[in-house]
Amino acid sequence: MTMKKTDLAKNKMLKTDNAIKIASMPDRFGSGSGVVADRKEQRKIDQAAGLIPFACKLPGALVTQLRERAEKDGGDLNTTVAALIEKGLKAK
């Protein structure tokens, strides 16, 4: 059975769409970016480092100050908050 020209074009389009979907992501978005995509993997890394998730509710103004201080110090927010809590606990 012969196929119509439109059917051939449709099949060709479907093949290219599938090839695009299957193609791997470039390194800048994938594993080469240094960011862990899998949450379970990130949890294991944090657990091995002795980190425990701790959530609390803070006023918006305080969070803004914390973010600004973290940017000024060049570190991340987690490190800044940990350092400030340690400093505050030692003062008492």
N, C-alpha and C. Protein backbone atom coordinates (compact mmCIF):
# COMPACT_ATOMS: atom_id res chain seq x y z
N MET A 1 0.83 -1.16 0.00
CA MET A 1 0.00 0.00 0.00
C MET A 1 0.89 1.24 0.00
N THR A 2 0.58 2.15 -0.87
CA THR A 2 1.37 3.37 -0.96
C THR A 2 0.78 4.42 -0.04
N MET A 3 1.65 5.28 0.43
CA MET A 3 1.22 6.34 1.34
C MET A 3 1.10 7.65 0.57
N LYS A 4 0.21 8.48 1.03
CA LYS A 4 0.06 9.79 0.43
C LYS A 4 1.23 10.67 0.84
N LYS A 5 1.43 11.69 0.07
CA LYS A 5 2.53 12.61 0.37
C LYS A 5 2.34 13.28 1.73
N THR A 6 1.11 13.59 2.10
CA THR A 6 0.84 14.22 3.40
C THR A 6 1.11 13.26 4.54
N ASP A 7 0.82 11.95 4.34
CA ASP A 7 1.10 10.96 5.37
C ASP A 7 2.61 10.81 5.58
N LEU A 8 3.37 10.83 4.49
CA LEU A 8 4.83 10.76 4.61
C LEU A 8 5.39 11.96 5.38
N ALA A 9 4.87 13.14 5.08
CA ALA A 9 5.32 14.35 5.77
C ALA A 9 4.96 14.29 7.25
N LYS A 10 3.76 13.77 7.55
CA LYS A 10 3.33 13.65 8.94
C LYS A 10 4.23 12.69 9.71
N ASN A 11 4.55 11.55 9.11
CA ASN A 11 5.44 10.58 9.76
C ASN A 11 6.84 11.15 9.98
N LYS A 12 7.33 11.90 8.98
CA LYS A 12 8.64 12.52 9.12
C LYS A 12 8.64 13.53 10.27
N MET A 13 7.56 14.31 10.39
CA MET A 13 7.45 15.28 11.47
C MET A 13 7.42 14.57 12.83
N LEU A 14 6.68 13.48 12.93
CA LEU A 14 6.61 12.73 14.19
C LEU A 14 7.97 12.17 14.58
N LYS A 15 8.73 11.69 13.60
CA LYS A 15 10.07 11.16 13.88
C LYS A 15 10.98 12.25 14.40
N THR A 16 10.93 13.44 13.78
CA THR A 16 11.81 14.52 14.24
C THR A 16 11.39 15.02 15.62
N ASP A 17 10.07 15.08 15.88
CA ASP A 17 9.60 15.48 17.21
C ASP A 17 10.09 14.51 18.28
N ASN A 18 10.01 13.23 18.00
CA ASN A 18 10.49 12.23 18.96
C ASN A 18 12.00 12.33 19.16
N ALA A 19 12.73 12.59 18.09
CA ALA A 19 14.18 12.73 18.20
C ALA A 19 14.55 13.93 19.08
N ILE A 20 13.79 15.00 18.95
CA ILE A 20 14.05 16.20 19.76
C ILE A 20 13.75 15.91 21.23
N LYS A 21 12.66 15.19 21.50
CA LYS A 21 12.30 14.87 22.88
C LYS A 21 13.32 13.95 23.53
N ILE A 22 13.88 13.05 22.76
CA ILE A 22 14.83 12.06 23.29
C ILE A 22 16.22 12.65 23.47
N ALA A 23 16.55 13.66 22.68
CA ALA A 23 17.89 14.23 22.71
C ALA A 23 18.26 14.68 24.11
N SER A 24 19.50 14.50 24.48
CA SER A 24 19.95 14.87 25.82
C SER A 24 20.08 16.38 25.95
N MET A 25 20.00 16.85 27.20
CA MET A 25 20.14 18.27 27.47
C MET A 25 21.62 18.63 27.46
N PRO A 26 21.95 19.85 27.08
CA PRO A 26 23.34 20.27 27.13
C PRO A 26 23.83 20.35 28.57
N ASP A 27 25.13 20.34 28.75
CA ASP A 27 25.72 20.32 30.09
C ASP A 27 25.34 21.53 30.95
N ARG A 28 25.13 22.66 30.34
CA ARG A 28 24.84 23.83 31.17
C ARG A 28 23.52 23.70 31.90
N PHE A 29 22.61 22.85 31.40
CA PHE A 29 21.35 22.61 32.08
C PHE A 29 21.33 21.28 32.80
N GLY A 30 22.22 20.40 32.44
CA GLY A 30 22.18 19.05 32.97
C GLY A 30 23.16 18.84 34.10
N SER A 31 23.80 17.72 34.08
CA SER A 31 24.68 17.33 35.18
C SER A 31 25.92 18.20 35.29
N GLY A 32 26.32 18.84 34.22
CA GLY A 32 27.52 19.67 34.25
C GLY A 32 27.33 21.00 34.94
N SER A 33 26.10 21.35 35.27
CA SER A 33 25.86 22.67 35.86
C SER A 33 26.24 22.73 37.34
N GLY A 34 26.44 21.58 37.98
CA GLY A 34 26.79 21.56 39.39
C GLY A 34 25.58 21.62 40.30
N VAL A 35 24.41 21.75 39.75
CA VAL A 35 23.19 21.78 40.54
C VAL A 35 22.60 20.38 40.53
N VAL A 36 22.25 19.89 41.70
CA VAL A 36 21.67 18.55 41.81
C VAL A 36 20.19 18.65 41.45
N ALA A 37 19.79 17.89 40.44
CA ALA A 37 18.41 17.95 39.98
C ALA A 37 17.49 17.09 40.83
N ASP A 38 18.00 16.04 41.39
CA ASP A 38 17.18 15.10 42.13
C ASP A 38 17.13 15.52 43.60
N ARG A 39 15.94 15.69 44.13
CA ARG A 39 15.80 16.12 45.52
C ARG A 39 16.29 15.06 46.50
N LYS A 40 16.07 13.79 46.17
CA LYS A 40 16.54 12.72 47.04
C LYS A 40 18.06 12.73 47.13
N GLU A 41 18.70 12.95 46.00
CA GLU A 41 20.17 13.00 45.98
C GLU A 41 20.66 14.18 46.81
N GLN A 42 20.00 15.35 46.67
CA GLN A 42 20.39 16.53 47.44
C GLN A 42 20.19 16.28 48.92
N ARG A 43 19.10 15.60 49.30
CA ARG A 43 18.85 15.28 50.70
C ARG A 43 19.95 14.40 51.27
N LYS A 44 20.40 13.42 50.47
CA LYS A 44 21.48 12.54 50.92
C LYS A 44 22.78 13.30 51.11
N ILE A 45 23.06 14.23 50.21
CA ILE A 45 24.28 15.04 50.32
C ILE A 45 24.22 15.91 51.58
N ASP A 46 23.06 16.54 51.80
CA ASP A 46 22.89 17.38 53.00
C ASP A 46 23.01 16.55 54.28
N GLN A 47 22.41 15.36 54.26
CA GLN A 47 22.44 14.50 55.44
C GLN A 47 23.87 14.05 55.73
N ALA A 48 24.64 13.74 54.70
CA ALA A 48 26.03 13.33 54.89
C ALA A 48 26.87 14.48 55.47
N ALA A 49 26.48 15.72 55.14
CA ALA A 49 27.19 16.88 55.66
C ALA A 49 26.71 17.26 57.06
N GLY A 50 25.72 16.54 57.58
CA GLY A 50 25.22 16.81 58.92
C GLY A 50 24.19 17.92 58.96
N LEU A 51 23.62 18.28 57.82
CA LEU A 51 22.63 19.35 57.76
C LEU A 51 21.23 18.79 57.98
N ILE A 52 20.44 19.53 58.74
CA ILE A 52 19.06 19.13 59.03
C ILE A 52 18.16 20.28 58.60
N PRO A 53 17.11 19.99 57.84
CA PRO A 53 16.20 21.07 57.44
C PRO A 53 15.46 21.62 58.65
N PHE A 54 15.38 22.95 58.74
CA PHE A 54 14.73 23.60 59.87
C PHE A 54 13.95 24.79 59.33
N ALA A 55 12.65 24.75 59.46
CA ALA A 55 11.81 25.83 58.94
C ALA A 55 11.24 26.64 60.08
N CYS A 56 11.21 27.94 59.89
CA CYS A 56 10.57 28.83 60.86
C CYS A 56 10.02 30.03 60.12
N LYS A 57 9.11 30.73 60.75
CA LYS A 57 8.50 31.90 60.13
C LYS A 57 9.15 33.15 60.69
N LEU A 58 9.63 34.00 59.78
CA LEU A 58 10.32 35.23 60.16
C LEU A 58 9.63 36.41 59.50
N PRO A 59 9.73 37.58 60.11
CA PRO A 59 9.17 38.79 59.48
C PRO A 59 9.89 39.09 58.16
N GLY A 60 9.16 39.65 57.22
CA GLY A 60 9.71 39.94 55.90
C GLY A 60 10.91 40.87 55.94
N ALA A 61 10.86 41.87 56.82
CA ALA A 61 11.97 42.82 56.92
C ALA A 61 13.26 42.12 57.37
N LEU A 62 13.11 41.18 58.30
CA LEU A 62 14.28 40.44 58.79
C LEU A 62 14.86 39.55 57.70
N VAL A 63 14.00 38.94 56.92
CA VAL A 63 14.46 38.08 55.82
C VAL A 63 15.21 38.92 54.78
N THR A 64 14.70 40.12 54.52
CA THR A 64 15.38 41.02 53.58
C THR A 64 16.77 41.37 54.09
N GLN A 65 16.88 41.67 55.39
CA GLN A 65 18.19 41.98 55.98
C GLN A 65 19.12 40.78 55.88
N LEU A 66 18.60 39.59 56.12
CA LEU A 66 19.43 38.38 56.03
C LEU A 66 19.95 38.17 54.61
N ARG A 67 19.07 38.37 53.63
CA ARG A 67 19.50 38.20 52.23
C ARG A 67 20.55 39.22 51.85
N GLU A 68 20.35 40.48 52.27
CA GLU A 68 21.33 41.53 51.96
C GLU A 68 22.68 41.21 52.60
N ARG A 69 22.64 40.75 53.83
CA ARG A 69 23.89 40.42 54.53
C ARG A 69 24.59 39.24 53.85
N ALA A 70 23.82 38.25 53.40
CA ALA A 70 24.40 37.11 52.71
C ALA A 70 25.06 37.54 51.41
N GLU A 71 24.41 38.45 50.67
CA GLU A 71 25.00 38.96 49.43
C GLU A 71 26.27 39.76 49.71
N LYS A 72 26.24 40.55 50.78
CA LYS A 72 27.40 41.38 51.14
C LYS A 72 28.59 40.51 51.53
N ASP A 73 28.31 39.43 52.29
CA ASP A 73 29.38 38.54 52.74
C ASP A 73 29.86 37.60 51.64
N GLY A 74 29.08 37.50 50.57
CA GLY A 74 29.49 36.64 49.46
C GLY A 74 29.16 35.17 49.67
N GLY A 75 28.45 34.85 50.74
CA GLY A 75 28.07 33.46 50.99
C GLY A 75 26.62 33.23 50.63
N ASP A 76 26.15 32.07 50.98
CA ASP A 76 24.73 31.80 50.74
C ASP A 76 23.94 32.07 52.01
N LEU A 77 22.63 32.06 51.89
CA LEU A 77 21.76 32.39 53.00
C LEU A 77 21.88 31.39 54.15
N ASN A 78 22.02 30.11 53.83
CA ASN A 78 22.14 29.08 54.87
C ASN A 78 23.36 29.31 55.76
N THR A 79 24.48 29.61 55.15
CA THR A 79 25.72 29.84 55.89
C THR A 79 25.61 31.08 56.77
N THR A 80 25.02 32.13 56.22
CA THR A 80 24.87 33.38 56.96
C THR A 80 23.97 33.18 58.18
N VAL A 81 22.84 32.53 57.98
CA VAL A 81 21.91 32.30 59.10
C VAL A 81 22.55 31.42 60.16
N ALA A 82 23.26 30.38 59.74
CA ALA A 82 23.93 29.50 60.71
C ALA A 82 24.96 30.27 61.52
N ALA A 83 25.75 31.12 60.87
CA ALA A 83 26.76 31.90 61.57
C ALA A 83 26.12 32.87 62.57
N LEU A 84 25.04 33.51 62.16
CA LEU A 84 24.38 34.46 63.06
C LEU A 84 23.73 33.76 64.26
N ILE A 85 23.16 32.60 64.04
CA ILE A 85 22.56 31.85 65.16
C ILE A 85 23.65 31.41 66.13
N GLU A 86 24.76 30.90 65.61
CA GLU A 86 25.88 30.49 66.48
C GLU A 86 26.39 31.67 67.29
N LYS A 87 26.55 32.82 66.63
CA LYS A 87 27.04 34.02 67.30
C LYS A 87 26.06 34.46 68.41
N GLY A 88 24.76 34.39 68.10
CA GLY A 88 23.75 34.77 69.09
C GLY A 88 23.69 33.83 70.26
N LEU A 89 23.87 32.55 70.02
CA LEU A 89 23.84 31.57 71.12
C LEU A 89 25.07 31.66 72.01
N LYS A 90 26.20 32.01 71.44
CA LYS A 90 27.42 32.16 72.23
C LYS A 90 27.38 33.39 73.11
N ALA A 91 26.62 34.40 72.69
CA ALA A 91 26.55 35.66 73.44
C ALA A 91 25.79 35.49 74.75
N LYS A 92 24.93 34.49 74.82
CA LYS A 92 24.13 34.31 76.06
C LYS A 92 24.83 33.48 77.07
